[in-house]
């Protein structure tokens, strides 16, 4: 019986080891990116001041006015969301998605998802497609954010991280089981070990 328990324990040790190896890659990526996105806004502002910084002057425009001007500037797009400036020297960000082309019934093609506006004048400061690293350093922090929550692989990455989280949860119970004592060291033939390891 003890021999069977020892063999079973060895199997769980192997599973515990390889589960750890599987999770290690995901944990390294999530931890490194997480340490950066803790300062996401500060880093994004430092990298992209041309998008996110403005010179304070006068009174800012109403968010509804900014939405109207964004849709006037991009008639093929529709505003889905607006994030007003958080400080006097910050730009306003408008999220947009394509409208349907009435001639074809298909959506227009937009090469961006975020439009940045000066909240004082509604002047356009720039555009970017969130997380698209092919656009260069302008998307560095959004790309790191995508790496953090989906490995920048979309739905596939979300599933991989979800599976890793499930394995981690189950592996905690395996780890707890492996901490429990197993009789008097039946896996060892050493008389010394059988006496409890006393010298």
N, C-alpha and C. Protein backbone atom coordinates (compact mmCIF):
# COMPACT_ATOMS: atom_id res chain seq x y z
N UNK A 1 0.83 -1.21 0.00
CA UNK A 1 0.00 0.00 0.00
C UNK A 1 0.87 1.27 0.00
N UNK A 2 1.90 1.22 0.84
CA UNK A 2 2.78 2.39 0.91
C UNK A 2 3.53 2.58 -0.40
N UNK A 3 3.89 1.46 -1.04
CA UNK A 3 4.58 1.56 -2.32
C UNK A 3 3.68 2.21 -3.38
N UNK A 4 2.40 1.81 -3.37
CA UNK A 4 1.44 2.41 -4.31
C UNK A 4 1.29 3.90 -4.05
N UNK A 5 1.22 4.27 -2.77
CA UNK A 5 1.11 5.69 -2.41
C UNK A 5 2.35 6.46 -2.86
N UNK A 6 3.52 5.83 -2.75
CA UNK A 6 4.75 6.50 -3.17
C UNK A 6 4.77 6.71 -4.67
N UNK A 7 4.30 5.70 -5.43
CA UNK A 7 4.25 5.84 -6.90
C UNK A 7 3.26 6.92 -7.30
N UNK A 8 2.13 6.95 -6.61
CA UNK A 8 1.13 7.99 -6.90
C UNK A 8 1.70 9.37 -6.61
N UNK A 9 2.42 9.46 -5.52
CA UNK A 9 3.04 10.74 -5.15
C UNK A 9 4.04 11.19 -6.20
N UNK A 10 4.83 10.25 -6.72
CA UNK A 10 5.79 10.60 -7.76
C UNK A 10 5.09 11.14 -9.00
N UNK A 11 3.93 10.54 -9.33
CA UNK A 11 3.16 11.03 -10.48
C UNK A 11 2.70 12.47 -10.25
N UNK A 12 2.20 12.75 -9.03
CA UNK A 12 1.75 14.11 -8.73
C UNK A 12 2.92 15.10 -8.71
N UNK A 13 4.09 14.63 -8.27
CA UNK A 13 5.28 15.50 -8.30
C UNK A 13 5.61 15.88 -9.74
N UNK A 14 5.55 14.90 -10.66
CA UNK A 14 5.82 15.19 -12.08
C UNK A 14 4.80 16.18 -12.63
N UNK A 15 3.52 15.93 -12.34
CA UNK A 15 2.48 16.84 -12.82
C UNK A 15 2.68 18.24 -12.25
N UNK A 16 3.02 18.32 -10.98
CA UNK A 16 3.26 19.61 -10.32
C UNK A 16 4.44 20.34 -10.97
N UNK A 17 5.48 19.59 -11.30
CA UNK A 17 6.67 20.18 -11.92
C UNK A 17 6.36 20.74 -13.30
N UNK A 18 5.68 19.93 -14.13
CA UNK A 18 5.42 20.37 -15.50
C UNK A 18 4.33 21.44 -15.57
N UNK A 19 3.41 21.41 -14.62
CA UNK A 19 2.43 22.50 -14.54
C UNK A 19 3.15 23.81 -14.24
N UNK A 20 4.14 23.75 -13.35
CA UNK A 20 4.93 24.94 -13.03
C UNK A 20 5.69 25.46 -14.23
N UNK A 21 6.27 24.54 -15.01
CA UNK A 21 6.99 24.96 -16.21
C UNK A 21 6.06 25.60 -17.23
N UNK A 22 4.85 25.03 -17.37
CA UNK A 22 3.87 25.59 -18.30
C UNK A 22 3.48 27.01 -17.88
N UNK A 23 3.26 27.17 -16.57
CA UNK A 23 2.80 28.47 -16.08
C UNK A 23 3.91 29.52 -16.06
N UNK A 24 5.17 29.07 -15.98
CA UNK A 24 6.27 30.00 -15.79
C UNK A 24 6.33 31.06 -16.88
N UNK A 25 6.18 30.64 -18.15
CA UNK A 25 6.25 31.60 -19.25
C UNK A 25 5.17 32.65 -19.13
N UNK A 26 3.94 32.22 -18.85
CA UNK A 26 2.84 33.16 -18.74
C UNK A 26 3.04 34.10 -17.55
N UNK A 27 3.51 33.54 -16.44
CA UNK A 27 3.70 34.38 -15.25
C UNK A 27 4.79 35.42 -15.46
N UNK A 28 5.86 35.04 -16.16
CA UNK A 28 6.93 36.00 -16.43
C UNK A 28 6.40 37.15 -17.27
N UNK A 29 5.65 36.82 -18.34
CA UNK A 29 5.10 37.87 -19.21
C UNK A 29 4.14 38.76 -18.44
N UNK A 30 3.22 38.14 -17.68
CA UNK A 30 2.21 38.90 -16.96
C UNK A 30 2.84 39.78 -15.87
N UNK A 31 3.85 39.23 -15.19
CA UNK A 31 4.48 40.01 -14.11
C UNK A 31 5.29 41.18 -14.66
N UNK A 32 6.07 40.94 -15.72
CA UNK A 32 6.87 42.03 -16.29
C UNK A 32 5.99 43.12 -16.88
N UNK A 33 4.97 42.72 -17.64
CA UNK A 33 4.08 43.74 -18.24
C UNK A 33 3.26 44.43 -17.16
N UNK A 34 2.88 43.68 -16.14
CA UNK A 34 2.10 44.28 -15.06
C UNK A 34 2.88 45.34 -14.30
N UNK A 35 4.20 45.09 -14.13
CA UNK A 35 5.01 46.09 -13.43
C UNK A 35 5.13 47.38 -14.25
N UNK A 36 5.00 47.27 -15.58
CA UNK A 36 5.05 48.46 -16.43
C UNK A 36 3.70 49.17 -16.49
N UNK A 37 2.60 48.39 -16.62
CA UNK A 37 1.30 49.05 -16.76
C UNK A 37 0.82 49.64 -15.44
N UNK A 38 1.51 49.32 -14.34
CA UNK A 38 1.21 50.03 -13.10
C UNK A 38 1.49 51.52 -13.27
N UNK A 39 2.42 51.85 -14.20
CA UNK A 39 2.76 53.24 -14.50
C UNK A 39 2.39 53.56 -15.95
N UNK A 40 1.32 52.93 -16.42
CA UNK A 40 0.93 53.02 -17.83
C UNK A 40 0.74 54.46 -18.30
N UNK A 41 -0.03 55.23 -17.55
CA UNK A 41 -0.34 56.60 -18.00
C UNK A 41 0.90 57.50 -17.95
N UNK A 42 1.68 57.35 -16.90
CA UNK A 42 2.89 58.18 -16.79
C UNK A 42 3.87 57.87 -17.92
N UNK A 43 4.06 56.57 -18.22
CA UNK A 43 4.97 56.18 -19.30
C UNK A 43 4.44 56.61 -20.66
N UNK A 44 3.14 56.45 -20.86
CA UNK A 44 2.53 56.85 -22.14
C UNK A 44 2.68 58.35 -22.36
N UNK A 45 2.52 59.12 -21.31
CA UNK A 45 2.68 60.57 -21.43
C UNK A 45 4.13 60.94 -21.74
N UNK A 46 5.06 60.20 -21.14
CA UNK A 46 6.47 60.50 -21.39
C UNK A 46 6.87 60.13 -22.82
N UNK A 47 6.30 59.05 -23.35
CA UNK A 47 6.64 58.58 -24.70
C UNK A 47 5.93 59.38 -25.77
N UNK A 48 4.68 59.78 -25.49
CA UNK A 48 3.84 60.43 -26.51
C UNK A 48 3.30 61.79 -26.06
N UNK A 49 4.19 62.72 -25.73
CA UNK A 49 3.68 64.04 -25.29
C UNK A 49 2.91 64.77 -26.39
N UNK A 50 3.23 64.47 -27.66
CA UNK A 50 2.53 65.14 -28.77
C UNK A 50 1.06 64.72 -28.85
N UNK A 51 0.73 63.54 -28.31
CA UNK A 51 -0.66 63.08 -28.30
C UNK A 51 -1.39 63.46 -27.02
N UNK A 52 -0.68 63.42 -25.93
CA UNK A 52 -1.35 63.46 -24.63
C UNK A 52 -1.16 64.75 -23.85
N UNK A 53 -0.32 65.64 -24.35
CA UNK A 53 -0.09 66.90 -23.62
C UNK A 53 -0.58 68.08 -24.45
N UNK A 54 -1.15 69.07 -23.77
CA UNK A 54 -1.57 70.31 -24.42
C UNK A 54 -1.16 71.48 -23.53
N UNK A 55 -1.24 72.65 -24.11
CA UNK A 55 -0.95 73.86 -23.33
C UNK A 55 -2.27 74.41 -22.80
N UNK A 56 -2.45 74.48 -21.48
CA UNK A 56 -3.71 74.99 -20.92
C UNK A 56 -3.94 76.44 -21.33
N UNK A 57 -5.17 76.73 -21.74
CA UNK A 57 -5.53 78.10 -22.13
C UNK A 57 -7.04 78.24 -22.15
N UNK A 58 -7.54 79.18 -21.41
CA UNK A 58 -8.97 79.45 -21.42
C UNK A 58 -9.80 78.33 -20.85
N UNK A 59 -10.97 78.14 -21.47
CA UNK A 59 -11.95 77.16 -21.01
C UNK A 59 -12.00 75.98 -21.96
N UNK A 60 -12.11 74.79 -21.42
CA UNK A 60 -12.18 73.60 -22.28
C UNK A 60 -13.57 73.47 -22.89
N UNK A 61 -13.64 72.81 -24.02
CA UNK A 61 -14.91 72.58 -24.70
C UNK A 61 -15.70 71.49 -23.99
N UNK A 62 -17.01 71.56 -24.15
CA UNK A 62 -17.88 70.54 -23.60
C UNK A 62 -17.62 69.20 -24.29
N UNK A 63 -17.66 68.06 -23.58
CA UNK A 63 -17.44 66.77 -24.24
C UNK A 63 -18.37 66.51 -25.42
N UNK A 64 -19.61 66.98 -25.35
CA UNK A 64 -20.53 66.79 -26.47
C UNK A 64 -20.06 67.56 -27.70
N UNK A 65 -19.47 68.73 -27.47
CA UNK A 65 -18.93 69.51 -28.59
C UNK A 65 -17.74 68.79 -29.20
N UNK A 66 -16.92 68.16 -28.36
CA UNK A 66 -15.78 67.41 -28.88
C UNK A 66 -16.23 66.19 -29.69
N UNK A 67 -17.28 65.54 -29.23
CA UNK A 67 -17.83 64.39 -29.97
C UNK A 67 -18.33 64.85 -31.34
N UNK A 68 -19.06 65.95 -31.35
CA UNK A 68 -19.59 66.47 -32.61
C UNK A 68 -18.46 66.82 -33.58
N UNK A 69 -17.43 67.45 -33.09
CA UNK A 69 -16.32 67.86 -33.96
C UNK A 69 -15.51 66.65 -34.43
N UNK A 70 -15.41 65.63 -33.58
CA UNK A 70 -14.72 64.41 -34.00
C UNK A 70 -15.46 63.74 -35.15
N UNK A 71 -16.78 63.66 -35.05
CA UNK A 71 -17.55 63.01 -36.10
C UNK A 71 -17.61 63.87 -37.36
N UNK A 72 -17.48 65.17 -37.21
CA UNK A 72 -17.39 66.04 -38.39
C UNK A 72 -16.04 65.84 -39.07
N UNK A 73 -15.00 65.67 -38.27
CA UNK A 73 -13.66 65.49 -38.81
C UNK A 73 -13.51 64.12 -39.47
N UNK A 74 -14.20 63.12 -38.92
CA UNK A 74 -14.12 61.75 -39.46
C UNK A 74 -15.55 61.28 -39.74
N UNK A 75 -16.12 61.66 -40.88
CA UNK A 75 -17.52 61.30 -41.16
C UNK A 75 -17.75 59.80 -41.33
N UNK A 76 -16.68 59.04 -41.64
CA UNK A 76 -16.83 57.59 -41.79
C UNK A 76 -16.85 56.88 -40.44
N UNK A 77 -16.59 57.62 -39.37
CA UNK A 77 -16.52 57.01 -38.04
C UNK A 77 -17.62 57.49 -37.13
N UNK A 78 -17.87 56.70 -36.10
CA UNK A 78 -18.86 57.03 -35.09
C UNK A 78 -18.19 56.95 -33.73
N UNK A 79 -18.43 57.96 -32.89
CA UNK A 79 -17.84 57.99 -31.55
C UNK A 79 -18.57 56.99 -30.66
N UNK A 80 -17.81 56.13 -30.01
CA UNK A 80 -18.39 55.17 -29.07
C UNK A 80 -18.13 55.56 -27.63
N UNK A 81 -17.14 56.43 -27.43
CA UNK A 81 -16.72 56.72 -26.06
C UNK A 81 -15.81 57.95 -26.10
N UNK A 82 -15.82 58.71 -25.03
CA UNK A 82 -14.88 59.83 -24.91
C UNK A 82 -14.32 59.84 -23.50
N UNK A 83 -13.01 60.01 -23.41
CA UNK A 83 -12.36 60.17 -22.11
C UNK A 83 -11.86 61.60 -22.03
N UNK A 84 -12.57 62.44 -21.30
CA UNK A 84 -12.13 63.84 -21.19
C UNK A 84 -10.77 63.94 -20.53
N UNK A 85 -10.15 65.11 -20.65
CA UNK A 85 -8.85 65.31 -20.04
C UNK A 85 -8.95 65.15 -18.53
N UNK A 86 -7.93 64.58 -17.92
CA UNK A 86 -7.90 64.38 -16.47
C UNK A 86 -7.22 65.56 -15.77
N UNK A 87 -6.39 66.26 -16.50
CA UNK A 87 -5.69 67.42 -15.94
C UNK A 87 -5.76 68.55 -16.97
N UNK A 88 -5.42 69.75 -16.56
CA UNK A 88 -5.53 70.90 -17.45
C UNK A 88 -4.61 70.80 -18.66
N UNK A 89 -3.51 70.05 -18.52
CA UNK A 89 -2.56 69.96 -19.64
C UNK A 89 -2.68 68.64 -20.41
N UNK A 90 -3.80 67.93 -20.26
CA UNK A 90 -3.99 66.66 -20.96
C UNK A 90 -4.99 66.80 -22.11
N UNK A 91 -4.78 65.98 -23.12
CA UNK A 91 -5.70 65.96 -24.26
C UNK A 91 -6.93 65.11 -23.93
N UNK A 92 -7.92 65.21 -24.80
CA UNK A 92 -9.12 64.37 -24.69
C UNK A 92 -8.99 63.25 -25.72
N UNK A 93 -9.40 62.05 -25.33
CA UNK A 93 -9.32 60.91 -26.24
C UNK A 93 -10.72 60.44 -26.60
N UNK A 94 -10.93 60.29 -27.92
CA UNK A 94 -12.22 59.85 -28.43
C UNK A 94 -12.04 58.49 -29.09
N UNK A 95 -12.82 57.51 -28.65
CA UNK A 95 -12.79 56.19 -29.31
C UNK A 95 -13.82 56.20 -30.43
N UNK A 96 -13.41 55.64 -31.57
CA UNK A 96 -14.29 55.63 -32.73
C UNK A 96 -14.32 54.25 -33.36
N UNK A 97 -15.45 53.95 -34.01
CA UNK A 97 -15.59 52.74 -34.81
C UNK A 97 -16.19 53.12 -36.15
N UNK A 98 -15.98 52.31 -37.18
CA UNK A 98 -16.48 52.69 -38.51
C UNK A 98 -17.99 52.62 -38.62
N UNK A 99 -18.54 53.54 -39.37
CA UNK A 99 -19.96 53.49 -39.73
C UNK A 99 -20.15 52.52 -40.89
N UNK A 100 -21.38 52.17 -41.15
CA UNK A 100 -21.68 51.35 -42.32
C UNK A 100 -21.76 52.22 -43.56
N UNK A 101 -21.15 51.75 -44.61
CA UNK A 101 -21.24 52.44 -45.90
C UNK A 101 -22.60 52.13 -46.51
N UNK A 102 -23.46 53.16 -46.68
CA UNK A 102 -24.81 52.90 -47.20
C UNK A 102 -24.82 52.31 -48.61
N UNK A 103 -23.76 52.56 -49.37
CA UNK A 103 -23.71 52.05 -50.74
C UNK A 103 -23.44 50.54 -50.78
N UNK A 104 -22.64 50.05 -49.82
CA UNK A 104 -22.25 48.64 -49.84
C UNK A 104 -22.82 47.83 -48.68
N UNK A 105 -23.24 48.53 -47.64
CA UNK A 105 -23.72 47.84 -46.45
C UNK A 105 -22.59 47.32 -45.57
N UNK A 106 -21.34 47.57 -45.98
CA UNK A 106 -20.17 47.13 -45.22
C UNK A 106 -19.60 48.31 -44.44
N UNK A 107 -18.89 48.03 -43.33
CA UNK A 107 -18.29 49.14 -42.58
C UNK A 107 -17.17 49.81 -43.37
N UNK A 108 -17.06 51.12 -43.18
CA UNK A 108 -15.90 51.82 -43.73
C UNK A 108 -14.62 51.28 -43.07
N UNK A 109 -13.49 51.51 -43.70
CA UNK A 109 -12.21 51.10 -43.14
C UNK A 109 -11.57 52.30 -42.44
N UNK A 110 -11.35 52.15 -41.14
CA UNK A 110 -10.63 53.18 -40.38
C UNK A 110 -9.30 52.58 -39.94
N UNK A 111 -8.24 53.35 -40.06
CA UNK A 111 -6.93 52.85 -39.66
C UNK A 111 -6.58 53.27 -38.23
N UNK A 112 -7.59 53.61 -37.44
CA UNK A 112 -7.35 54.00 -36.05
C UNK A 112 -8.59 53.67 -35.23
N UNK A 113 -8.42 53.63 -33.93
CA UNK A 113 -9.54 53.46 -33.01
C UNK A 113 -9.61 54.59 -31.99
N UNK A 114 -8.51 55.35 -31.87
CA UNK A 114 -8.45 56.45 -30.90
C UNK A 114 -8.06 57.74 -31.60
N UNK A 115 -8.82 58.77 -31.34
CA UNK A 115 -8.55 60.10 -31.89
C UNK A 115 -8.28 61.04 -30.72
N UNK A 116 -7.16 61.75 -30.77
CA UNK A 116 -6.78 62.67 -29.68
C UNK A 116 -7.02 64.10 -30.10
N UNK A 117 -7.73 64.84 -29.24
CA UNK A 117 -8.11 66.22 -29.54
C UNK A 117 -7.64 67.15 -28.43
N UNK A 118 -7.31 68.36 -28.84
CA UNK A 118 -7.03 69.43 -27.88
C UNK A 118 -8.37 69.85 -27.28
N UNK A 119 -8.56 69.71 -25.96
CA UNK A 119 -9.86 70.03 -25.36
C UNK A 119 -10.20 71.51 -25.36
N UNK A 120 -9.22 72.36 -25.70
CA UNK A 120 -9.48 73.80 -25.73
C UNK A 120 -9.90 74.27 -27.12
N UNK A 121 -9.36 73.64 -28.16
CA UNK A 121 -9.64 74.12 -29.52
C UNK A 121 -10.24 73.04 -30.43
N UNK A 122 -10.29 71.82 -29.98
CA UNK A 122 -10.71 70.64 -30.74
C UNK A 122 -9.75 70.30 -31.87
N UNK A 123 -8.56 70.90 -31.87
CA UNK A 123 -7.56 70.56 -32.89
C UNK A 123 -7.14 69.10 -32.74
N UNK A 124 -7.00 68.43 -33.87
CA UNK A 124 -6.57 67.02 -33.83
C UNK A 124 -5.08 66.93 -33.51
N UNK A 125 -4.75 66.09 -32.54
CA UNK A 125 -3.36 65.90 -32.14
C UNK A 125 -2.76 64.61 -32.71
N UNK A 126 -3.59 63.66 -33.05
CA UNK A 126 -3.09 62.40 -33.61
C UNK A 126 -4.10 61.29 -33.49
N UNK A 127 -3.75 60.16 -34.12
CA UNK A 127 -4.62 58.98 -34.12
C UNK A 127 -3.76 57.75 -33.87
N UNK A 128 -4.36 56.72 -33.31
CA UNK A 128 -3.68 55.43 -33.21
C UNK A 128 -4.70 54.31 -33.08
N UNK A 129 -4.30 53.14 -33.56
CA UNK A 129 -5.10 51.93 -33.37
C UNK A 129 -4.58 51.26 -32.12
N UNK A 130 -5.40 51.18 -31.12
CA UNK A 130 -4.97 50.74 -29.79
C UNK A 130 -4.24 49.40 -29.86
N UNK A 131 -2.99 49.39 -29.38
CA UNK A 131 -2.22 48.17 -29.24
C UNK A 131 -1.54 47.68 -30.50
N UNK A 132 -1.68 48.41 -31.62
CA UNK A 132 -1.07 47.96 -32.87
C UNK A 132 0.39 48.41 -32.91
N UNK A 133 1.30 47.51 -32.55
CA UNK A 133 2.71 47.88 -32.42
C UNK A 133 3.33 48.19 -33.77
N UNK A 134 2.68 47.79 -34.88
CA UNK A 134 3.22 48.11 -36.20
C UNK A 134 3.20 49.62 -36.46
N UNK A 135 2.44 50.37 -35.65
CA UNK A 135 2.43 51.82 -35.79
C UNK A 135 3.62 52.47 -35.09
N UNK A 136 4.43 51.66 -34.43
CA UNK A 136 5.64 52.20 -33.82
C UNK A 136 5.50 52.48 -32.34
N UNK A 137 6.42 53.28 -31.84
CA UNK A 137 6.52 53.54 -30.40
C UNK A 137 5.28 54.25 -29.86
N UNK A 138 4.51 54.86 -30.74
CA UNK A 138 3.30 55.54 -30.30
C UNK A 138 2.34 54.56 -29.63
N UNK A 139 2.46 53.28 -29.97
CA UNK A 139 1.58 52.26 -29.41
C UNK A 139 2.28 51.34 -28.44
N UNK A 140 3.44 51.72 -27.93
CA UNK A 140 4.21 50.84 -27.06
C UNK A 140 3.44 50.46 -25.80
N UNK A 141 2.92 51.44 -25.07
CA UNK A 141 2.23 51.12 -23.83
C UNK A 141 0.90 50.40 -24.07
N UNK A 142 0.10 50.81 -25.07
CA UNK A 142 -1.09 50.00 -25.36
C UNK A 142 -0.75 48.56 -25.74
N UNK A 143 0.38 48.36 -26.46
CA UNK A 143 0.78 47.01 -26.83
C UNK A 143 1.16 46.20 -25.58
N UNK A 144 1.89 46.82 -24.66
CA UNK A 144 2.25 46.14 -23.42
C UNK A 144 1.00 45.79 -22.62
N UNK A 145 0.00 46.67 -22.66
CA UNK A 145 -1.27 46.39 -21.99
C UNK A 145 -1.95 45.17 -22.61
N UNK A 146 -1.94 45.08 -23.94
CA UNK A 146 -2.52 43.92 -24.63
C UNK A 146 -1.74 42.65 -24.31
N UNK A 147 -0.42 42.76 -24.21
CA UNK A 147 0.39 41.61 -23.81
C UNK A 147 -0.03 41.11 -22.43
N UNK A 148 -0.33 42.05 -21.55
CA UNK A 148 -0.65 41.69 -20.17
C UNK A 148 -1.94 40.91 -20.08
N UNK A 149 -2.98 41.33 -20.79
CA UNK A 149 -4.26 40.66 -20.58
C UNK A 149 -4.62 39.63 -21.64
N UNK A 150 -3.91 39.60 -22.78
CA UNK A 150 -4.23 38.57 -23.79
C UNK A 150 -3.01 38.11 -24.57
N UNK A 151 -1.80 38.41 -24.10
CA UNK A 151 -0.56 38.06 -24.78
C UNK A 151 -0.50 38.64 -26.19
N UNK A 152 -1.31 39.67 -26.45
CA UNK A 152 -1.42 40.31 -27.77
C UNK A 152 -1.85 39.30 -28.84
N UNK A 153 -2.60 38.29 -28.41
CA UNK A 153 -3.08 37.25 -29.34
C UNK A 153 -4.60 37.24 -29.43
N UNK A 154 -5.24 38.28 -28.93
CA UNK A 154 -6.69 38.35 -28.99
C UNK A 154 -7.34 37.27 -28.14
N UNK A 155 -8.40 36.66 -28.69
CA UNK A 155 -9.17 35.66 -27.95
C UNK A 155 -8.33 34.44 -27.59
N UNK A 156 -7.40 34.07 -28.49
CA UNK A 156 -6.53 32.91 -28.23
C UNK A 156 -5.69 33.15 -26.98
N UNK A 157 -5.10 34.34 -26.88
CA UNK A 157 -4.30 34.66 -25.71
C UNK A 157 -5.11 34.69 -24.43
N UNK A 158 -6.34 35.18 -24.53
CA UNK A 158 -7.21 35.20 -23.36
C UNK A 158 -7.49 33.79 -22.87
N UNK A 159 -7.72 32.87 -23.81
CA UNK A 159 -7.94 31.47 -23.45
C UNK A 159 -6.69 30.84 -22.83
N UNK A 160 -5.52 31.11 -23.41
CA UNK A 160 -4.28 30.55 -22.88
C UNK A 160 -4.04 31.01 -21.44
N UNK A 161 -4.27 32.30 -21.19
CA UNK A 161 -4.09 32.80 -19.83
C UNK A 161 -5.14 32.22 -18.88
N UNK A 162 -6.35 32.04 -19.40
CA UNK A 162 -7.41 31.44 -18.58
C UNK A 162 -7.08 30.01 -18.20
N UNK A 163 -6.55 29.25 -19.17
CA UNK A 163 -6.15 27.86 -18.89
C UNK A 163 -5.01 27.84 -17.88
N UNK A 164 -4.05 28.74 -18.04
CA UNK A 164 -2.94 28.81 -17.08
C UNK A 164 -3.46 29.13 -15.68
N UNK A 165 -4.43 30.03 -15.59
CA UNK A 165 -4.99 30.37 -14.28
C UNK A 165 -5.71 29.17 -13.66
N UNK A 166 -6.44 28.41 -14.50
CA UNK A 166 -7.14 27.22 -14.01
C UNK A 166 -6.14 26.16 -13.52
N UNK A 167 -5.08 25.95 -14.31
CA UNK A 167 -4.04 24.98 -13.91
C UNK A 167 -3.38 25.43 -12.61
N UNK A 168 -3.13 26.71 -12.48
CA UNK A 168 -2.52 27.23 -11.26
C UNK A 168 -3.41 26.96 -10.05
N UNK A 169 -4.71 27.19 -10.22
CA UNK A 169 -5.65 26.94 -9.12
C UNK A 169 -5.62 25.47 -8.70
N UNK A 170 -5.71 24.57 -9.68
CA UNK A 170 -5.69 23.13 -9.37
C UNK A 170 -4.35 22.72 -8.80
N UNK A 171 -3.28 23.32 -9.31
CA UNK A 171 -1.94 22.97 -8.85
C UNK A 171 -1.71 23.36 -7.40
N UNK A 172 -2.43 24.35 -6.92
CA UNK A 172 -2.32 24.72 -5.51
C UNK A 172 -2.75 23.55 -4.62
N UNK A 173 -3.81 22.84 -5.03
CA UNK A 173 -4.26 21.69 -4.25
C UNK A 173 -3.24 20.55 -4.33
N UNK A 174 -2.64 20.38 -5.52
CA UNK A 174 -1.59 19.36 -5.67
C UNK A 174 -0.41 19.70 -4.76
N UNK A 175 -0.02 20.97 -4.77
CA UNK A 175 1.08 21.39 -3.91
C UNK A 175 0.79 21.16 -2.43
N UNK A 176 -0.48 21.41 -2.04
CA UNK A 176 -0.86 21.16 -0.64
C UNK A 176 -0.75 19.67 -0.33
N UNK A 177 -1.22 18.83 -1.26
CA UNK A 177 -1.15 17.38 -1.05
C UNK A 177 0.31 16.93 -0.89
N UNK A 178 1.20 17.52 -1.68
CA UNK A 178 2.60 17.11 -1.63
C UNK A 178 3.31 17.55 -0.35
N UNK A 179 2.71 18.46 0.38
CA UNK A 179 3.32 18.87 1.66
C UNK A 179 2.96 17.90 2.79
N UNK A 180 1.97 17.06 2.56
CA UNK A 180 1.55 16.13 3.61
C UNK A 180 2.58 15.03 3.76
N UNK A 181 2.82 14.56 4.98
CA UNK A 181 3.81 13.49 5.18
C UNK A 181 3.30 12.17 4.60
N UNK A 182 4.24 11.34 4.20
CA UNK A 182 3.89 10.05 3.60
C UNK A 182 4.54 8.94 4.42
N UNK A 183 3.94 8.58 5.52
CA UNK A 183 4.43 7.47 6.34
C UNK A 183 5.88 7.67 6.76
N UNK A 184 6.64 6.61 6.67
CA UNK A 184 8.04 6.64 7.08
C UNK A 184 8.94 6.46 5.88
N UNK A 185 8.85 7.43 4.92
CA UNK A 185 9.73 7.51 3.77
C UNK A 185 9.78 6.19 2.99
N UNK A 186 8.63 5.66 2.50
CA UNK A 186 8.63 4.38 1.82
C UNK A 186 9.37 4.43 0.49
N UNK A 187 9.66 5.62 -0.03
CA UNK A 187 10.35 5.72 -1.31
C UNK A 187 11.85 5.49 -1.16
N UNK A 188 12.33 5.40 0.07
CA UNK A 188 13.77 5.23 0.29
C UNK A 188 14.06 3.86 0.88
N UNK A 189 15.16 3.28 0.46
CA UNK A 189 15.59 1.98 1.00
C UNK A 189 16.67 2.15 2.05
N UNK A 190 17.01 3.40 2.32
CA UNK A 190 18.08 3.65 3.28
C UNK A 190 17.57 3.43 4.70
N UNK A 191 18.24 2.57 5.49
CA UNK A 191 17.83 2.38 6.89
C UNK A 191 17.87 3.67 7.67
N UNK A 192 18.79 4.52 7.28
CA UNK A 192 18.95 5.80 7.94
C UNK A 192 17.69 6.64 7.77
N UNK A 193 17.15 6.61 6.49
CA UNK A 193 15.93 7.38 6.21
C UNK A 193 14.74 6.73 6.93
N UNK A 194 14.73 5.40 6.99
CA UNK A 194 13.62 4.72 7.63
C UNK A 194 13.57 5.04 9.12
N UNK A 195 14.72 5.38 9.72
CA UNK A 195 14.73 5.74 11.15
C UNK A 195 14.36 7.21 11.35
N UNK A 196 13.98 7.91 10.21
CA UNK A 196 13.60 9.30 10.34
C UNK A 196 14.73 10.23 10.05
N UNK A 197 15.87 9.70 9.57
CA UNK A 197 16.96 10.57 9.18
C UNK A 197 17.91 10.90 10.31
N UNK A 198 17.79 10.23 11.44
CA UNK A 198 18.69 10.51 12.55
C UNK A 198 20.10 10.06 12.21
N UNK A 199 21.11 10.78 12.61
CA UNK A 199 22.50 10.37 12.36
C UNK A 199 22.88 9.17 13.20
